[in-house]
PDB file of all heavy atoms in Angstrom:
ATOM      1  N   ALA A   1       4.474  -2.343  -6.677  1.00  0.00           N
ATOM      2  CA  ALA A   1       3.154  -1.584  -6.769  1.00  0.00           C
ATOM      3  C   ALA A   1       2.288  -2.201  -7.808  1.00  0.00           C
ATOM      4  O   ALA A   1       1.090  -2.421  -7.599  1.00  0.00           O
ATOM      5  CB  ALA A   1       3.426  -0.113  -6.977  1.00  0.00           C
ATOM      6  N   LYS A   2       2.867  -2.468  -9.028  1.00  0.00           N
ATOM      7  CA  LYS A   2       2.051  -3.039 -10.115  1.00  0.00           C
ATOM      8  C   LYS A   2       1.553  -4.402  -9.753  1.00  0.00           C
ATOM      9  O   LYS A   2       0.464  -4.808 -10.065  1.00  0.00           O
ATOM     10  CB  LYS A   2       2.921  -3.118 -11.371  1.00  0.00           C
ATOM     11  CG  LYS A   2       3.184  -1.722 -11.950  1.00  0.00           C
ATOM     12  CD  LYS A   2       4.084  -1.840 -13.203  1.00  0.00           C
ATOM     13  CE  LYS A   2       4.356  -0.449 -13.796  1.00  0.00           C
ATOM     14  NZ  LYS A   2       5.299  -0.539 -14.923  1.00  0.00           N
ATOM     15  N   TRP A   3       2.380  -5.230  -9.046  1.00  0.00           N
ATOM     16  CA  TRP A   3       2.027  -6.571  -8.584  1.00  0.00           C
ATOM     17  C   TRP A   3       0.843  -6.468  -7.645  1.00  0.00           C
ATOM     18  O   TRP A   3      -0.129  -7.236  -7.778  1.00  0.00           O
ATOM     19  CB  TRP A   3       3.135  -7.289  -7.946  1.00  0.00           C
ATOM     20  CG  TRP A   3       2.892  -8.715  -7.640  1.00  0.00           C
ATOM     21  CD1 TRP A   3       3.142  -9.794  -8.464  1.00  0.00           C
ATOM     22  CD2 TRP A   3       2.286  -9.218  -6.458  1.00  0.00           C
ATOM     23  NE1 TRP A   3       2.758 -10.966  -7.843  1.00  0.00           N
ATOM     24  CE2 TRP A   3       2.175 -10.644  -6.616  1.00  0.00           C
ATOM     25  CE3 TRP A   3       1.783  -8.653  -5.318  1.00  0.00           C
ATOM     26  CZ2 TRP A   3       1.659 -11.467  -5.635  1.00  0.00           C
ATOM     27  CZ3 TRP A   3       1.229  -9.509  -4.330  1.00  0.00           C
ATOM     28  CH2 TRP A   3       1.177 -10.868  -4.501  1.00  0.00           C
ATOM     29  N   LEU A   4       0.891  -5.558  -6.682  1.00  0.00           N
ATOM     30  CA  LEU A   4      -0.173  -5.383  -5.727  1.00  0.00           C
ATOM     31  C   LEU A   4      -1.503  -4.978  -6.418  1.00  0.00           C
ATOM     32  O   LEU A   4      -2.545  -5.536  -6.113  1.00  0.00           O
ATOM     33  CB  LEU A   4       0.224  -4.354  -4.703  1.00  0.00           C
ATOM     34  CG  LEU A   4       1.325  -4.733  -3.727  1.00  0.00           C
ATOM     35  CD1 LEU A   4       1.700  -3.513  -2.863  1.00  0.00           C
ATOM     36  CD2 LEU A   4       0.886  -5.887  -2.811  1.00  0.00           C
ATOM     37  N   ILE A   5      -1.376  -4.066  -7.344  1.00  0.00           N
ATOM     38  CA  ILE A   5      -2.556  -3.542  -8.061  1.00  0.00           C
ATOM     39  C   ILE A   5      -3.192  -4.706  -8.890  1.00  0.00           C
ATOM     40  O   ILE A   5      -4.423  -4.926  -8.917  1.00  0.00           O
ATOM     41  CB  ILE A   5      -2.267  -2.361  -8.952  1.00  0.00           C
ATOM     42  CG1 ILE A   5      -1.893  -1.154  -8.124  1.00  0.00           C
ATOM     43  CG2 ILE A   5      -3.417  -2.049  -9.861  1.00  0.00           C
ATOM     44  CD1 ILE A   5      -1.297   0.022  -8.825  1.00  0.00           C
ATOM     45  N   ALA A   6      -2.309  -5.529  -9.512  1.00  0.00           N
ATOM     46  CA  ALA A   6      -2.791  -6.613 -10.314  1.00  0.00           C
ATOM     47  C   ALA A   6      -3.526  -7.615  -9.493  1.00  0.00           C
ATOM     48  O   ALA A   6      -4.322  -8.390 -10.023  1.00  0.00           O
ATOM     49  CB  ALA A   6      -1.609  -7.279 -11.047  1.00  0.00           C
ATOM     50  N   HIS A   7      -3.183  -7.714  -8.174  1.00  0.00           N
ATOM     51  CA  HIS A   7      -3.793  -8.638  -7.321  1.00  0.00           C
ATOM     52  C   HIS A   7      -4.861  -7.966  -6.425  1.00  0.00           C
ATOM     53  O   HIS A   7      -5.199  -8.453  -5.347  1.00  0.00           O
ATOM     54  CB  HIS A   7      -2.750  -9.330  -6.414  1.00  0.00           C
ATOM     55  CG  HIS A   7      -1.934 -10.338  -7.230  1.00  0.00           C
ATOM     56  ND1 HIS A   7      -0.821  -9.884  -8.036  1.00  0.00           N
ATOM     57  CD2 HIS A   7      -1.965 -11.713  -7.325  1.00  0.00           C
ATOM     58  CE1 HIS A   7      -0.331 -10.949  -8.622  1.00  0.00           C
ATOM     59  NE2 HIS A   7      -0.983 -12.055  -8.200  1.00  0.00           N
ATOM     60  N   GLU A   8      -5.323  -6.828  -6.886  1.00  0.00           N
ATOM     61  CA  GLU A   8      -6.473  -6.134  -6.286  1.00  0.00           C
ATOM     62  C   GLU A   8      -6.202  -5.565  -4.856  1.00  0.00           C
ATOM     63  O   GLU A   8      -7.048  -5.549  -4.039  1.00  0.00           O
ATOM     64  CB  GLU A   8      -7.727  -7.017  -6.268  1.00  0.00           C
ATOM     65  CG  GLU A   8      -8.133  -7.424  -7.648  1.00  0.00           C
ATOM     66  CD  GLU A   8      -9.394  -8.251  -7.617  1.00  0.00           C
ATOM     67  OE1 GLU A   8      -9.774  -8.812  -6.549  1.00  0.00           O
ATOM     68  OE2 GLU A   8     -10.086  -8.426  -8.688  1.00  0.00           O
ATOM     69  N   HIS A   9      -4.967  -5.111  -4.680  1.00  0.00           N
ATOM     70  CA  HIS A   9      -4.608  -4.420  -3.461  1.00  0.00           C
ATOM     71  C   HIS A   9      -4.236  -2.959  -3.794  1.00  0.00           C
ATOM     72  O   HIS A   9      -3.877  -2.653  -4.941  1.00  0.00           O
ATOM     73  CB  HIS A   9      -3.398  -5.124  -2.805  1.00  0.00           C
ATOM     74  CG  HIS A   9      -3.740  -6.482  -2.410  1.00  0.00           C
ATOM     75  ND1 HIS A   9      -4.551  -6.836  -1.393  1.00  0.00           N
ATOM     76  CD2 HIS A   9      -3.280  -7.732  -2.943  1.00  0.00           C
ATOM     77  CE1 HIS A   9      -4.611  -8.167  -1.320  1.00  0.00           C
ATOM     78  NE2 HIS A   9      -3.850  -8.706  -2.217  1.00  0.00           N
ATOM     79  N   LYS A  10      -4.300  -2.136  -2.792  1.00  0.00           N
ATOM     80  CA  LYS A  10      -4.051  -0.691  -2.999  1.00  0.00           C
ATOM     81  C   LYS A  10      -2.732  -0.297  -2.319  1.00  0.00           C
ATOM     82  O   LYS A  10      -2.642  -0.241  -1.118  1.00  0.00           O
ATOM     83  CB  LYS A  10      -5.196   0.135  -2.391  1.00  0.00           C
ATOM     84  CG  LYS A  10      -5.013   1.644  -2.554  1.00  0.00           C
ATOM     85  CD  LYS A  10      -6.078   2.381  -1.875  1.00  0.00           C
ATOM     86  CE  LYS A  10      -5.873   3.948  -1.918  1.00  0.00           C
ATOM     87  NZ  LYS A  10      -6.943   4.694  -1.230  1.00  0.00           N
ATOM     88  N   PRO A  11      -1.678  -0.012  -3.080  1.00  0.00           N
ATOM     89  CA  PRO A  11      -0.451   0.518  -2.469  1.00  0.00           C
ATOM     90  C   PRO A  11      -0.588   2.026  -2.216  1.00  0.00           C
ATOM     91  O   PRO A  11      -1.196   2.788  -2.989  1.00  0.00           O
ATOM     92  CB  PRO A  11       0.570   0.238  -3.585  1.00  0.00           C
ATOM     93  CG  PRO A  11      -0.158   0.291  -4.888  1.00  0.00           C
ATOM     94  CD  PRO A  11      -1.587  -0.158  -4.570  1.00  0.00           C
ATOM     95  N   ILE A  12      -0.029   2.445  -1.080  1.00  0.00           N
ATOM     96  CA  ILE A  12      -0.008   3.912  -0.758  1.00  0.00           C
ATOM     97  C   ILE A  12       1.449   4.242  -0.427  1.00  0.00           C
ATOM     98  O   ILE A  12       2.170   3.442   0.169  1.00  0.00           O
ATOM     99  CB  ILE A  12      -0.945   4.289   0.328  1.00  0.00           C
ATOM    100  CG1 ILE A  12      -0.644   3.591   1.654  1.00  0.00           C
ATOM    101  CG2 ILE A  12      -2.370   4.080  -0.081  1.00  0.00           C
ATOM    102  CD1 ILE A  12      -1.432   4.093   2.798  1.00  0.00           C
ATOM    103  N   PHE A  13       1.836   5.515  -0.708  1.00  0.00           N
ATOM    104  CA  PHE A  13       3.184   5.959  -0.515  1.00  0.00           C
ATOM    105  C   PHE A  13       3.292   7.180   0.431  1.00  0.00           C
ATOM    106  O   PHE A  13       4.380   7.494   0.865  1.00  0.00           O
ATOM    107  CB  PHE A  13       3.855   6.307  -1.857  1.00  0.00           C
ATOM    108  CG  PHE A  13       3.904   5.138  -2.806  1.00  0.00           C
ATOM    109  CD1 PHE A  13       2.860   4.928  -3.745  1.00  0.00           C
ATOM    110  CD2 PHE A  13       4.959   4.233  -2.848  1.00  0.00           C
ATOM    111  CE1 PHE A  13       2.884   3.840  -4.602  1.00  0.00           C
ATOM    112  CE2 PHE A  13       5.017   3.215  -3.734  1.00  0.00           C
ATOM    113  CZ  PHE A  13       3.961   2.994  -4.603  1.00  0.00           C
ATOM    114  N   GLU A  14       2.148   7.818   0.680  1.00  0.00           N
ATOM    115  CA  GLU A  14       2.125   9.004   1.497  1.00  0.00           C
ATOM    116  C   GLU A  14       2.331   8.668   2.995  1.00  0.00           C
ATOM    117  O   GLU A  14       1.573   7.881   3.564  1.00  0.00           O
ATOM    118  CB  GLU A  14       0.827   9.767   1.343  1.00  0.00           C
ATOM    119  CG  GLU A  14       0.578  10.303  -0.091  1.00  0.00           C
ATOM    120  CD  GLU A  14       0.051   9.200  -1.013  1.00  0.00           C
ATOM    121  OE1 GLU A  14      -0.236   8.072  -0.523  1.00  0.00           O
ATOM    122  OE2 GLU A  14      -0.001   9.471  -2.256  1.00  0.00           O
ATOM    123  N   ILE A  15       3.397   9.211   3.619  1.00  0.00           N
ATOM    124  CA  ILE A  15       3.668   8.917   5.007  1.00  0.00           C
ATOM    125  C   ILE A  15       2.542   9.177   5.903  1.00  0.00           C
ATOM    126  O   ILE A  15       2.220   8.447   6.846  1.00  0.00           O
ATOM    127  CB  ILE A  15       4.982   9.677   5.450  1.00  0.00           C
ATOM    128  CG1 ILE A  15       6.203   9.235   4.670  1.00  0.00           C
ATOM    129  CG2 ILE A  15       5.148   9.480   6.936  1.00  0.00           C
ATOM    130  CD1 ILE A  15       6.540   7.759   4.817  1.00  0.00           C
ATOM    131  N   GLU A  16       1.846  10.286   5.714  1.00  0.00           N
ATOM    132  CA  GLU A  16       0.734  10.669   6.558  1.00  0.00           C
ATOM    133  C   GLU A  16      -0.488   9.738   6.442  1.00  0.00           C
ATOM    134  O   GLU A  16      -1.371   9.821   7.238  1.00  0.00           O
ATOM    135  CB  GLU A  16       0.322  12.099   6.242  1.00  0.00           C
ATOM    136  CG  GLU A  16      -0.226  12.384   4.885  1.00  0.00           C
ATOM    137  CD  GLU A  16       0.885  12.701   3.853  1.00  0.00           C
ATOM    138  OE1 GLU A  16       2.027  12.529   4.227  1.00  0.00           O
ATOM    139  OE2 GLU A  16       0.514  13.144   2.734  1.00  0.00           O
ATOM    140  N   GLN A  17      -0.467   8.904   5.425  1.00  0.00           N
ATOM    141  CA  GLN A  17      -1.583   7.933   5.294  1.00  0.00           C
ATOM    142  C   GLN A  17      -1.203   6.464   5.697  1.00  0.00           C
ATOM    143  O   GLN A  17      -2.101   5.589   5.583  1.00  0.00           O
ATOM    144  CB  GLN A  17      -2.081   7.937   3.830  1.00  0.00           C
ATOM    145  CG  GLN A  17      -2.725   9.206   3.369  1.00  0.00           C
ATOM    146  CD  GLN A  17      -3.317   9.174   1.953  1.00  0.00           C
ATOM    147  OE1 GLN A  17      -3.529   8.054   1.475  1.00  0.00           O
ATOM    148  NE2 GLN A  17      -3.451  10.335   1.327  1.00  0.00           N
ATOM    149  N   MET A  18       0.000   6.256   6.128  1.00  0.00           N
ATOM    150  CA  MET A  18       0.432   4.952   6.469  1.00  0.00           C
ATOM    151  C   MET A  18      -0.401   4.317   7.576  1.00  0.00           C
ATOM    152  O   MET A  18      -0.518   3.056   7.613  1.00  0.00           O
ATOM    153  CB  MET A  18       1.963   4.968   6.950  1.00  0.00           C
ATOM    154  CG  MET A  18       2.910   5.256   5.832  1.00  0.00           C
ATOM    155  SD  MET A  18       2.984   3.919   4.561  1.00  0.00           S
ATOM    156  CE  MET A  18       3.744   4.774   3.218  1.00  0.00           C
ATOM    157  N   HIS A  19      -1.023   5.097   8.427  1.00  0.00           N
ATOM    158  CA  HIS A  19      -1.802   4.513   9.524  1.00  0.00           C
ATOM    159  C   HIS A  19      -3.049   3.765   9.036  1.00  0.00           C
ATOM    160  O   HIS A  19      -3.678   3.090   9.781  1.00  0.00           O
ATOM    161  CB  HIS A  19      -2.229   5.641  10.512  1.00  0.00           C
ATOM    162  CG  HIS A  19      -3.166   6.621   9.958  1.00  0.00           C
ATOM    163  ND1 HIS A  19      -2.735   7.706   9.190  1.00  0.00           N
ATOM    164  CD2 HIS A  19      -4.539   6.797  10.071  1.00  0.00           C
ATOM    165  CE1 HIS A  19      -3.810   8.410   8.796  1.00  0.00           C
ATOM    166  NE2 HIS A  19      -4.890   7.827   9.282  1.00  0.00           N
ATOM    167  N   THR A  20      -3.380   4.004   7.751  1.00  0.00           N
ATOM    168  CA  THR A  20      -4.557   3.259   7.188  1.00  0.00           C
ATOM    169  C   THR A  20      -4.204   1.887   6.630  1.00  0.00           C
ATOM    170  O   THR A  20      -5.049   1.164   6.105  1.00  0.00           O
ATOM    171  CB  THR A  20      -5.167   4.128   6.114  1.00  0.00           C
ATOM    172  OG1 THR A  20      -4.288   4.278   4.980  1.00  0.00           O
ATOM    173  CG2 THR A  20      -5.573   5.496   6.608  1.00  0.00           C
ATOM    174  N   SER A  21      -2.911   1.558   6.638  1.00  0.00           N
ATOM    175  CA  SER A  21      -2.452   0.342   5.990  1.00  0.00           C
ATOM    176  C   SER A  21      -2.684  -0.904   6.848  1.00  0.00           C
ATOM    177  O   SER A  21      -2.634  -0.835   8.126  1.00  0.00           O
ATOM    178  CB  SER A  21      -0.980   0.440   5.714  1.00  0.00           C
ATOM    179  OG  SER A  21      -0.649   1.549   4.917  1.00  0.00           O
ATOM    180  N   SER A  22      -2.872  -2.027   6.170  1.00  0.00           N
ATOM    181  CA  SER A  22      -2.943  -3.320   6.901  1.00  0.00           C
ATOM    182  C   SER A  22      -1.554  -3.778   7.287  1.00  0.00           C
ATOM    183  O   SER A  22      -1.377  -4.405   8.338  1.00  0.00           O
ATOM    184  CB  SER A  22      -3.611  -4.404   6.019  1.00  0.00           C
ATOM    185  OG  SER A  22      -4.903  -4.018   5.721  1.00  0.00           O
ATOM    186  N   PHE A  23      -0.586  -3.522   6.450  1.00  0.00           N
ATOM    187  CA  PHE A  23       0.807  -3.706   6.804  1.00  0.00           C
ATOM    188  C   PHE A  23       1.659  -2.798   5.892  1.00  0.00           C
ATOM    189  O   PHE A  23       1.231  -2.260   4.961  1.00  0.00           O
ATOM    190  CB  PHE A  23       1.275  -5.188   6.734  1.00  0.00           C
ATOM    191  CG  PHE A  23       1.281  -5.783   5.347  1.00  0.00           C
ATOM    192  CD1 PHE A  23       2.427  -5.802   4.578  1.00  0.00           C
ATOM    193  CD2 PHE A  23       0.139  -6.394   4.868  1.00  0.00           C
ATOM    194  CE1 PHE A  23       2.459  -6.350   3.326  1.00  0.00           C
ATOM    195  CE2 PHE A  23       0.159  -7.002   3.610  1.00  0.00           C
ATOM    196  CZ  PHE A  23       1.347  -6.968   2.801  1.00  0.00           C
ATOM    197  N   ILE A  24       2.950  -2.723   6.291  1.00  0.00           N
ATOM    198  CA  ILE A  24       3.875  -1.850   5.579  1.00  0.00           C
ATOM    199  C   ILE A  24       4.945  -2.643   4.924  1.00  0.00           C
ATOM    200  O   ILE A  24       5.562  -3.529   5.553  1.00  0.00           O
ATOM    201  CB  ILE A  24       4.515  -0.797   6.560  1.00  0.00           C
ATOM    202  CG1 ILE A  24       3.518  -0.008   7.325  1.00  0.00           C
ATOM    203  CG2 ILE A  24       5.509   0.113   5.794  1.00  0.00           C
ATOM    204  CD1 ILE A  24       2.719   0.963   6.511  1.00  0.00           C
ATOM    205  N   LEU A  25       5.187  -2.391   3.664  1.00  0.00           N
ATOM    206  CA  LEU A  25       6.363  -2.956   2.977  1.00  0.00           C
ATOM    207  C   LEU A  25       7.524  -1.928   3.021  1.00  0.00           C
ATOM    208  O   LEU A  25       7.356  -0.803   2.655  1.00  0.00           O
ATOM    209  CB  LEU A  25       6.035  -3.256   1.506  1.00  0.00           C
ATOM    210  CG  LEU A  25       5.089  -4.388   1.197  1.00  0.00           C
ATOM    211  CD1 LEU A  25       4.764  -4.441  -0.271  1.00  0.00           C
ATOM    212  CD2 LEU A  25       5.594  -5.734   1.693  1.00  0.00           C
ATOM    213  N   VAL A  26       8.641  -2.391   3.516  1.00  0.00           N
ATOM    214  CA  VAL A  26       9.822  -1.529   3.591  1.00  0.00           C
ATOM    215  C   VAL A  26      10.838  -2.069   2.627  1.00  0.00           C
ATOM    216  O   VAL A  26      11.310  -3.180   2.704  1.00  0.00           O
ATOM    217  CB  VAL A  26      10.401  -1.514   4.967  1.00  0.00           C
ATOM    218  CG1 VAL A  26      11.698  -0.693   5.058  1.00  0.00           C
ATOM    219  CG2 VAL A  26       9.385  -0.923   6.009  1.00  0.00           C
TER     220      VAL A  26
END
């Protein structure tokens, strides 16, 4: 998560919001 934020990406963890993601990290 810190790496993504440092590279100007937005990590999300809420299952109900996953549909807004460009891709999913498992």
